[in-house]
Amino acid sequence: MITRPEEKMQNVTSTPEGQPGDVDRFVERFALTLADAGLGRMPSRVFGALLVTDDGKLTAGELADTLRVSPAAISGAVRYLVQVGLIVRRRDPGERRDHYEVTDDLWYEAYAHRDTQMKEWAELMAEGVAAVGPDTKAGWRLETSRRFFEFLREQIPDLMRKWRELGEPPPR
């Protein structure tokens, strides 16, 4: 079970019928789900802990206290999450410590900026086709993969536009 620093208790989001333990269970279940999908367990827990705070931000020390882990575990987790674009590191004016934050449109941002990655993967698949030959089973597989990444590159901008057109839900 996770615990939170006292000063952040009011920052944790819960439903009127929810209990503090419900939030802890959600964070751990969320982390397990992400870990099952291939994300590391500690980055998953950190990401979940940030998601359930109203302002979406905590310092490394607050994360360590919240998750009852060492600062070293937090350091590696936040470094990874920043690298993959799921969280950002910021410092508020006048503050001496950085905090880690999930943005309100984090999923949009995480997917909207995948064009470069998709382009690299498509180019790599094309190299693979050239290496093994286009008339081989492996070449066919690599070409199918290349076409898939090109398809995603073409479709993601339209999906992102459609998402923006839906508009933001009203605040609760």
Protein backbone atom coordinates (compact mmCIF):
# COMPACT_ATOMS: atom_id res chain seq x y z
CA MET A 1 0.00 0.00 0.00
CA ILE A 2 1.28 3.48 -0.79
CA THR A 3 1.26 6.41 1.59
CA ARG A 4 1.39 10.08 0.82
CA PRO A 5 3.19 13.00 2.40
CA GLU A 6 0.72 14.85 4.63
CA GLU A 7 1.04 18.09 2.71
CA LYS A 8 -0.07 16.32 -0.48
CA MET A 9 -3.06 14.47 0.97
CA GLN A 10 -5.48 17.17 -0.19
CA ASN A 11 -3.93 16.95 -3.64
CA VAL A 12 -5.04 13.36 -4.26
CA THR A 13 -8.10 12.98 -6.41
CA SER A 14 -10.81 10.62 -5.27
CA THR A 15 -14.47 10.27 -5.97
CA PRO A 16 -16.95 11.31 -3.26
CA GLU A 17 -17.70 7.65 -2.59
CA GLY A 18 -14.05 6.63 -2.85
CA GLN A 19 -11.76 6.00 0.08
CA PRO A 20 -8.02 6.74 0.26
CA GLY A 21 -7.32 3.01 -0.08
CA ASP A 22 -9.25 3.03 -3.36
CA VAL A 23 -6.73 5.46 -4.82
CA ASP A 24 -3.82 3.32 -3.63
CA ARG A 25 -5.40 0.23 -5.17
CA PHE A 26 -5.99 2.08 -8.43
CA VAL A 27 -2.34 3.20 -8.62
CA GLU A 28 -1.08 -0.34 -8.02
CA ARG A 29 -3.56 -1.90 -10.47
CA PHE A 30 -2.69 0.74 -13.06
CA ALA A 31 1.01 0.00 -12.55
CA LEU A 32 0.46 -3.73 -12.99
CA THR A 33 -1.50 -3.14 -16.19
CA LEU A 34 1.25 -0.94 -17.64
CA ALA A 35 3.91 -3.40 -16.51
CA ASP A 36 2.04 -6.21 -18.26
CA ALA A 37 2.11 -4.04 -21.41
CA GLY A 38 5.91 -3.72 -21.17
CA LEU A 39 6.52 -0.56 -19.13
CA GLY A 40 8.77 -1.02 -16.10
CA ARG A 41 7.06 -1.52 -12.75
CA MET A 42 8.55 1.54 -11.02
CA PRO A 43 7.92 3.96 -13.91
CA SER A 44 4.37 2.61 -13.99
CA ARG A 45 3.88 3.29 -10.27
CA VAL A 46 5.34 6.79 -10.58
CA PHE A 47 3.12 7.55 -13.57
CA GLY A 48 0.06 6.29 -11.70
CA ALA A 49 0.92 8.35 -8.61
CA LEU A 50 1.20 11.49 -10.73
CA LEU A 51 -2.08 10.79 -12.52
CA VAL A 52 -4.10 10.71 -9.30
CA THR A 53 -2.93 14.08 -7.99
CA ASP A 54 -5.21 17.01 -8.80
CA ASP A 55 -2.42 19.20 -10.18
CA GLY A 56 -0.57 16.22 -11.65
CA LYS A 57 2.78 17.07 -10.11
CA LEU A 58 5.05 15.87 -7.31
CA THR A 59 8.71 16.31 -6.43
CA ALA A 60 11.06 13.32 -6.42
CA GLY A 61 10.98 13.33 -2.61
CA GLU A 62 7.19 13.38 -2.55
CA LEU A 63 7.08 10.51 -5.04
CA ALA A 64 9.51 8.49 -2.91
CA ASP A 65 7.42 9.13 0.21
CA THR A 66 4.16 8.42 -1.61
CA LEU A 67 5.34 5.12 -3.04
CA ARG A 68 7.53 4.21 -0.04
CA VAL A 69 10.60 3.59 -2.19
CA SER A 70 14.14 4.89 -2.35
CA PRO A 71 15.03 8.15 -4.10
CA ALA A 72 17.24 6.09 -6.45
CA ALA A 73 14.19 4.12 -7.63
CA ILE A 74 12.38 7.39 -8.33
CA SER A 75 15.38 8.83 -10.17
CA GLY A 76 15.51 6.02 -12.70
CA ALA A 77 11.74 5.94 -13.13
CA VAL A 78 11.32 9.67 -13.78
CA ARG A 79 14.34 9.72 -16.12
CA TYR A 80 12.67 7.01 -18.20
CA LEU A 81 9.21 8.66 -18.14
CA VAL A 82 10.66 12.02 -19.21
CA GLN A 83 12.62 10.31 -21.98
CA VAL A 84 9.52 8.63 -23.44
CA GLY A 85 7.46 11.81 -23.09
CA LEU A 86 4.90 10.67 -20.53
CA ILE A 87 5.93 13.26 -17.93
CA VAL A 88 7.85 16.52 -17.88
CA ARG A 89 10.33 17.94 -15.40
CA ARG A 90 9.64 21.52 -14.38
CA ARG A 91 10.49 24.06 -11.73
CA ASP A 92 8.00 26.71 -10.62
CA PRO A 93 9.27 30.31 -10.32
CA GLY A 94 10.93 30.82 -6.93
CA GLU A 95 11.15 27.09 -6.21
CA ARG A 96 14.46 25.36 -5.57
CA ARG A 97 13.31 21.84 -6.36
CA ASP A 98 12.16 20.34 -9.63
CA HIS A 99 8.86 18.55 -9.82
CA TYR A 100 7.60 15.94 -12.24
CA GLU A 101 4.31 16.48 -13.94
CA VAL A 102 1.75 14.86 -16.19
CA THR A 103 0.09 17.33 -18.50
CA ASP A 104 -3.66 17.44 -18.93
CA ASP A 105 -3.30 16.34 -22.56
CA LEU A 106 -0.55 13.81 -21.94
CA TRP A 107 -1.98 11.05 -24.12
CA TYR A 108 -2.43 13.46 -27.01
CA GLU A 109 1.15 14.67 -26.65
CA ALA A 110 2.51 11.14 -26.31
CA TYR A 111 0.98 10.07 -29.61
CA ALA A 112 1.04 13.30 -31.60
CA HIS A 113 4.84 13.42 -31.61
CA ARG A 114 5.48 9.87 -32.78
CA ASP A 115 5.98 10.87 -36.42
CA THR A 116 9.77 10.89 -36.17
CA GLN A 117 9.76 7.48 -34.51
CA MET A 118 7.38 6.02 -37.10
CA LYS A 119 9.53 7.45 -39.91
CA GLU A 120 12.68 5.91 -38.41
CA TRP A 121 10.98 2.55 -38.02
CA ALA A 122 9.68 2.63 -41.61
CA GLU A 123 13.16 3.49 -42.90
CA LEU A 124 14.69 0.70 -40.82
CA MET A 125 12.17 -1.80 -42.21
CA ALA A 126 13.08 -0.66 -45.74
CA GLU A 127 16.75 -1.35 -44.94
CA GLY A 128 15.71 -4.79 -43.74
CA VAL A 129 13.87 -5.46 -46.99
CA ALA A 130 16.97 -4.50 -48.94
CA ALA A 131 19.15 -6.70 -46.73
CA VAL A 132 17.07 -9.88 -46.98
CA GLY A 133 15.58 -9.29 -50.43
CA PRO A 134 12.06 -8.25 -51.34
CA ASP A 135 11.17 -11.67 -52.75
CA THR A 136 11.72 -13.55 -49.49
CA LYS A 137 9.22 -14.31 -46.73
CA ALA A 138 11.28 -12.11 -44.36
CA GLY A 139 11.31 -9.34 -46.97
CA TRP A 140 7.53 -9.56 -47.27
CA ARG A 141 7.19 -9.37 -43.48
CA LEU A 142 9.52 -6.36 -43.25
CA GLU A 143 7.75 -4.60 -46.14
CA THR A 144 4.40 -5.17 -44.44
CA SER A 145 5.85 -3.63 -41.28
CA ARG A 146 7.20 -0.66 -43.26
CA ARG A 147 3.81 -0.08 -44.86
CA PHE A 148 2.14 -0.30 -41.44
CA PHE A 149 4.40 2.42 -39.99
CA GLU A 150 3.82 4.60 -43.04
CA PHE A 151 0.07 4.07 -42.62
CA LEU A 152 0.27 5.18 -38.99
CA ARG A 153 2.28 8.27 -39.98
CA GLU A 154 -0.49 9.19 -42.42
CA GLN A 155 -3.38 8.50 -40.03
CA ILE A 156 -2.17 9.91 -36.70
CA PRO A 157 -2.44 13.60 -37.70
CA ASP A 158 -6.06 13.08 -38.77
CA LEU A 159 -6.87 11.23 -35.56
CA MET A 160 -5.27 14.00 -33.48
CA ARG A 161 -7.31 16.62 -35.37
CA LYS A 162 -10.52 14.66 -34.76
CA TRP A 163 -9.69 14.37 -31.07
CA ARG A 164 -9.18 18.14 -30.80
CA GLU A 165 -12.48 18.71 -32.59
CA LEU A 166 -14.28 16.71 -29.90
CA GLY A 167 -13.31 19.45 -27.47
CA GLU A 168 -12.46 19.27 -23.82
CA PRO A 169 -14.96 17.74 -21.42
CA PRO A 170 -16.46 20.19 -18.94
CA PRO A 171 -14.45 20.48 -15.70
CA ARG A 172 -15.81 18.60 -12.70
